[in-house]
Amino acid sequence: MTSIIMILNGPNLNLLGTREPETYGTGTLDDLETLCAETAEGLGLAIDFRQSNTEGELISWVHEARTRCAGIIINPAGYSHTSV
């Protein structure tokens, strides 16, 4: 059975590649997902890649992951310094 790593991306990361490309670059969230999937496959892992602009949804996904995933990687984006 392949281990699953849940990868969670926080607010505004869906805008990668279009929002302030001079600061954040031109790579998109889809590009990042492809890179993660290719890397995971090479390591014999699967990924569950998600993005939300809603704090509660991210927390629900963390709770979901505890029963079906081997680990979680989270980029909380703006939630790393504030929750409004």
N, C-alpha and C. Protein backbone atom coordinates (compact mmCIF):
# COMPACT_ATOMS: atom_id res chain seq x y z
N MET A 1 0.84 -1.18 0.00
CA MET A 1 0.00 0.00 0.00
C MET A 1 0.89 1.25 0.00
N THR A 2 0.61 2.17 -0.89
CA THR A 2 1.38 3.40 -1.01
C THR A 2 1.00 4.39 0.08
N SER A 3 2.01 4.95 0.73
CA SER A 3 1.76 5.98 1.74
C SER A 3 1.36 7.28 1.05
N ILE A 4 0.42 7.98 1.68
CA ILE A 4 -0.08 9.25 1.15
C ILE A 4 0.44 10.40 2.02
N ILE A 5 0.94 11.42 1.35
CA ILE A 5 1.32 12.66 2.01
C ILE A 5 0.33 13.73 1.60
N MET A 6 -0.34 14.34 2.57
CA MET A 6 -1.26 15.43 2.27
C MET A 6 -0.45 16.73 2.21
N ILE A 7 -0.64 17.49 1.15
CA ILE A 7 0.03 18.77 0.98
C ILE A 7 -1.04 19.85 0.95
N LEU A 8 -1.01 20.71 1.96
CA LEU A 8 -2.02 21.76 2.11
C LEU A 8 -1.41 23.12 1.82
N ASN A 9 -2.13 23.91 1.06
CA ASN A 9 -1.70 25.25 0.68
C ASN A 9 -2.75 26.25 1.11
N GLY A 10 -2.31 27.30 1.78
CA GLY A 10 -3.21 28.28 2.35
C GLY A 10 -3.65 29.38 1.40
N PRO A 11 -4.15 30.47 1.98
CA PRO A 11 -4.81 31.52 1.22
C PRO A 11 -3.94 32.18 0.16
N ASN A 12 -4.58 32.45 -0.94
CA ASN A 12 -4.03 33.17 -2.09
C ASN A 12 -3.00 32.38 -2.90
N LEU A 13 -2.66 31.18 -2.47
CA LEU A 13 -1.69 30.41 -3.25
C LEU A 13 -2.29 29.95 -4.58
N ASN A 14 -3.61 29.98 -4.69
CA ASN A 14 -4.25 29.71 -5.98
C ASN A 14 -3.94 30.81 -6.99
N LEU A 15 -3.40 31.93 -6.53
CA LEU A 15 -3.07 33.05 -7.41
C LEU A 15 -1.61 33.05 -7.86
N LEU A 16 -0.84 32.04 -7.44
CA LEU A 16 0.55 31.96 -7.86
C LEU A 16 0.65 32.04 -9.38
N GLY A 17 1.62 32.79 -9.84
CA GLY A 17 1.83 32.94 -11.27
C GLY A 17 1.13 34.15 -11.86
N THR A 18 0.10 34.64 -11.16
CA THR A 18 -0.62 35.81 -11.67
C THR A 18 -0.59 36.98 -10.70
N ARG A 19 -0.49 36.70 -9.43
CA ARG A 19 -0.46 37.76 -8.41
C ARG A 19 0.98 38.16 -8.13
N GLU A 20 1.32 39.38 -8.43
CA GLU A 20 2.65 39.93 -8.20
C GLU A 20 3.76 38.99 -8.67
N PRO A 21 3.78 38.65 -9.96
CA PRO A 21 4.79 37.72 -10.46
C PRO A 21 6.22 38.23 -10.27
N GLU A 22 6.40 39.54 -10.18
CA GLU A 22 7.74 40.08 -9.94
C GLU A 22 8.24 39.73 -8.54
N THR A 23 7.33 39.45 -7.63
CA THR A 23 7.68 39.05 -6.27
C THR A 23 7.64 37.54 -6.09
N TYR A 24 6.57 36.91 -6.57
CA TYR A 24 6.33 35.50 -6.30
C TYR A 24 6.70 34.59 -7.46
N GLY A 25 7.08 35.14 -8.60
CA GLY A 25 7.45 34.34 -9.76
C GLY A 25 6.25 34.01 -10.63
N THR A 26 6.52 33.28 -11.69
CA THR A 26 5.47 32.96 -12.67
C THR A 26 4.97 31.52 -12.56
N GLY A 27 5.57 30.73 -11.69
CA GLY A 27 5.10 29.36 -11.49
C GLY A 27 3.73 29.36 -10.84
N THR A 28 2.88 28.44 -11.28
CA THR A 28 1.52 28.36 -10.76
C THR A 28 1.40 27.27 -9.70
N LEU A 29 0.27 27.24 -9.03
CA LEU A 29 0.01 26.18 -8.07
C LEU A 29 -0.05 24.83 -8.78
N ASP A 30 -0.57 24.80 -9.99
CA ASP A 30 -0.58 23.56 -10.78
C ASP A 30 0.85 23.09 -11.07
N ASP A 31 1.74 24.03 -11.37
CA ASP A 31 3.15 23.67 -11.59
C ASP A 31 3.75 23.05 -10.33
N LEU A 32 3.44 23.63 -9.19
CA LEU A 32 3.94 23.12 -7.92
C LEU A 32 3.39 21.72 -7.64
N GLU A 33 2.11 21.52 -7.92
CA GLU A 33 1.50 20.20 -7.72
C GLU A 33 2.18 19.16 -8.61
N THR A 34 2.45 19.51 -9.86
CA THR A 34 3.12 18.58 -10.77
C THR A 34 4.50 18.20 -10.23
N LEU A 35 5.26 19.18 -9.78
CA LEU A 35 6.58 18.93 -9.22
C LEU A 35 6.50 18.02 -7.99
N CYS A 36 5.54 18.29 -7.12
CA CYS A 36 5.36 17.45 -5.92
C CYS A 36 4.97 16.03 -6.29
N ALA A 37 4.07 15.88 -7.26
CA ALA A 37 3.62 14.55 -7.68
C ALA A 37 4.76 13.75 -8.28
N GLU A 38 5.57 14.39 -9.11
CA GLU A 38 6.71 13.70 -9.73
C GLU A 38 7.73 13.28 -8.68
N THR A 39 8.00 14.15 -7.72
CA THR A 39 8.94 13.83 -6.66
C THR A 39 8.41 12.70 -5.79
N ALA A 40 7.14 12.77 -5.43
CA ALA A 40 6.53 11.73 -4.61
C ALA A 40 6.57 10.38 -5.31
N GLU A 41 6.26 10.36 -6.60
CA GLU A 41 6.28 9.11 -7.35
C GLU A 41 7.67 8.49 -7.32
N GLY A 42 8.69 9.31 -7.46
CA GLY A 42 10.06 8.81 -7.40
C GLY A 42 10.44 8.23 -6.05
N LEU A 43 9.73 8.64 -5.02
CA LEU A 43 9.97 8.14 -3.67
C LEU A 43 9.00 7.04 -3.27
N GLY A 44 8.14 6.64 -4.19
CA GLY A 44 7.16 5.60 -3.90
C GLY A 44 6.00 6.08 -3.04
N LEU A 45 5.70 7.36 -3.12
CA LEU A 45 4.62 7.95 -2.33
C LEU A 45 3.53 8.48 -3.24
N ALA A 46 2.39 8.75 -2.66
CA ALA A 46 1.29 9.43 -3.36
C ALA A 46 1.03 10.73 -2.62
N ILE A 47 0.46 11.71 -3.32
CA ILE A 47 0.12 12.96 -2.66
C ILE A 47 -1.37 13.24 -2.77
N ASP A 48 -1.86 13.98 -1.81
CA ASP A 48 -3.20 14.54 -1.83
C ASP A 48 -2.98 16.04 -1.69
N PHE A 49 -3.05 16.76 -2.79
CA PHE A 49 -2.66 18.17 -2.88
C PHE A 49 -3.91 19.04 -2.84
N ARG A 50 -3.96 19.98 -1.90
CA ARG A 50 -5.16 20.80 -1.74
C ARG A 50 -4.79 22.25 -1.44
N GLN A 51 -5.71 23.14 -1.75
CA GLN A 51 -5.56 24.57 -1.45
C GLN A 51 -6.89 25.11 -0.99
N SER A 52 -6.84 25.99 0.01
CA SER A 52 -8.06 26.66 0.46
C SER A 52 -7.73 28.06 0.94
N ASN A 53 -8.67 28.95 0.74
CA ASN A 53 -8.58 30.30 1.29
C ASN A 53 -9.31 30.40 2.63
N THR A 54 -9.81 29.27 3.12
CA THR A 54 -10.62 29.23 4.33
C THR A 54 -9.89 28.47 5.44
N GLU A 55 -9.63 29.14 6.54
CA GLU A 55 -8.89 28.54 7.66
C GLU A 55 -9.57 27.28 8.19
N GLY A 56 -10.88 27.32 8.36
CA GLY A 56 -11.61 26.17 8.89
C GLY A 56 -11.49 24.95 8.01
N GLU A 57 -11.49 25.14 6.70
CA GLU A 57 -11.35 24.02 5.78
C GLU A 57 -9.97 23.38 5.91
N LEU A 58 -8.92 24.20 6.04
CA LEU A 58 -7.58 23.66 6.24
C LEU A 58 -7.50 22.83 7.51
N ILE A 59 -8.11 23.31 8.58
CA ILE A 59 -8.11 22.57 9.85
C ILE A 59 -8.86 21.26 9.70
N SER A 60 -9.99 21.27 9.02
CA SER A 60 -10.74 20.02 8.79
C SER A 60 -9.90 19.01 8.02
N TRP A 61 -9.12 19.48 7.05
CA TRP A 61 -8.27 18.57 6.28
C TRP A 61 -7.16 17.97 7.14
N VAL A 62 -6.63 18.76 8.08
CA VAL A 62 -5.62 18.23 9.00
C VAL A 62 -6.23 17.10 9.82
N HIS A 63 -7.45 17.29 10.30
CA HIS A 63 -8.13 16.24 11.07
C HIS A 63 -8.38 15.01 10.20
N GLU A 64 -8.78 15.21 8.96
CA GLU A 64 -9.00 14.10 8.03
C GLU A 64 -7.71 13.31 7.80
N ALA A 65 -6.60 14.01 7.69
CA ALA A 65 -5.33 13.36 7.38
C ALA A 65 -4.87 12.41 8.47
N ARG A 66 -5.25 12.64 9.70
CA ARG A 66 -4.74 11.79 10.77
C ARG A 66 -5.14 10.33 10.63
N THR A 67 -6.21 10.05 9.90
CA THR A 67 -6.64 8.66 9.77
C THR A 67 -6.24 8.01 8.45
N ARG A 68 -5.76 8.79 7.48
CA ARG A 68 -5.47 8.17 6.19
C ARG A 68 -4.16 8.57 5.54
N CYS A 69 -3.40 9.45 6.18
CA CYS A 69 -2.15 9.92 5.57
C CYS A 69 -0.96 9.64 6.48
N ALA A 70 0.18 9.41 5.84
CA ALA A 70 1.41 9.16 6.60
C ALA A 70 2.02 10.45 7.12
N GLY A 71 1.65 11.57 6.52
CA GLY A 71 2.18 12.85 6.95
C GLY A 71 1.49 14.01 6.26
N ILE A 72 1.81 15.20 6.73
CA ILE A 72 1.24 16.43 6.18
C ILE A 72 2.37 17.42 5.93
N ILE A 73 2.30 18.08 4.79
CA ILE A 73 3.15 19.24 4.52
C ILE A 73 2.18 20.41 4.36
N ILE A 74 2.43 21.49 5.07
CA ILE A 74 1.52 22.63 4.96
C ILE A 74 2.30 23.91 4.71
N ASN A 75 1.84 24.66 3.72
CA ASN A 75 2.29 26.02 3.49
C ASN A 75 1.12 26.90 3.90
N PRO A 76 1.14 27.44 5.11
CA PRO A 76 0.00 28.19 5.60
C PRO A 76 -0.16 29.56 4.95
N ALA A 77 0.82 29.98 4.17
CA ALA A 77 0.79 31.29 3.50
C ALA A 77 0.53 32.37 4.54
N GLY A 78 -0.45 33.22 4.32
CA GLY A 78 -0.74 34.33 5.22
C GLY A 78 -1.10 33.91 6.63
N TYR A 79 -1.58 32.68 6.80
CA TYR A 79 -1.93 32.21 8.14
C TYR A 79 -0.70 31.97 9.01
N SER A 80 0.50 32.05 8.43
CA SER A 80 1.70 31.87 9.24
C SER A 80 1.93 33.06 10.18
N HIS A 81 1.28 34.19 9.88
CA HIS A 81 1.49 35.36 10.73
C HIS A 81 0.21 36.05 11.18
N THR A 82 -0.95 35.63 10.66
CA THR A 82 -2.20 36.25 11.10
C THR A 82 -3.38 35.36 10.75
N SER A 83 -4.44 35.52 11.50
CA SER A 83 -5.71 34.88 11.19
C SER A 83 -6.78 35.93 11.43
N VAL A 84 -7.34 36.44 10.36
CA VAL A 84 -8.29 37.55 10.48
C VAL A 84 -9.70 37.02 10.42
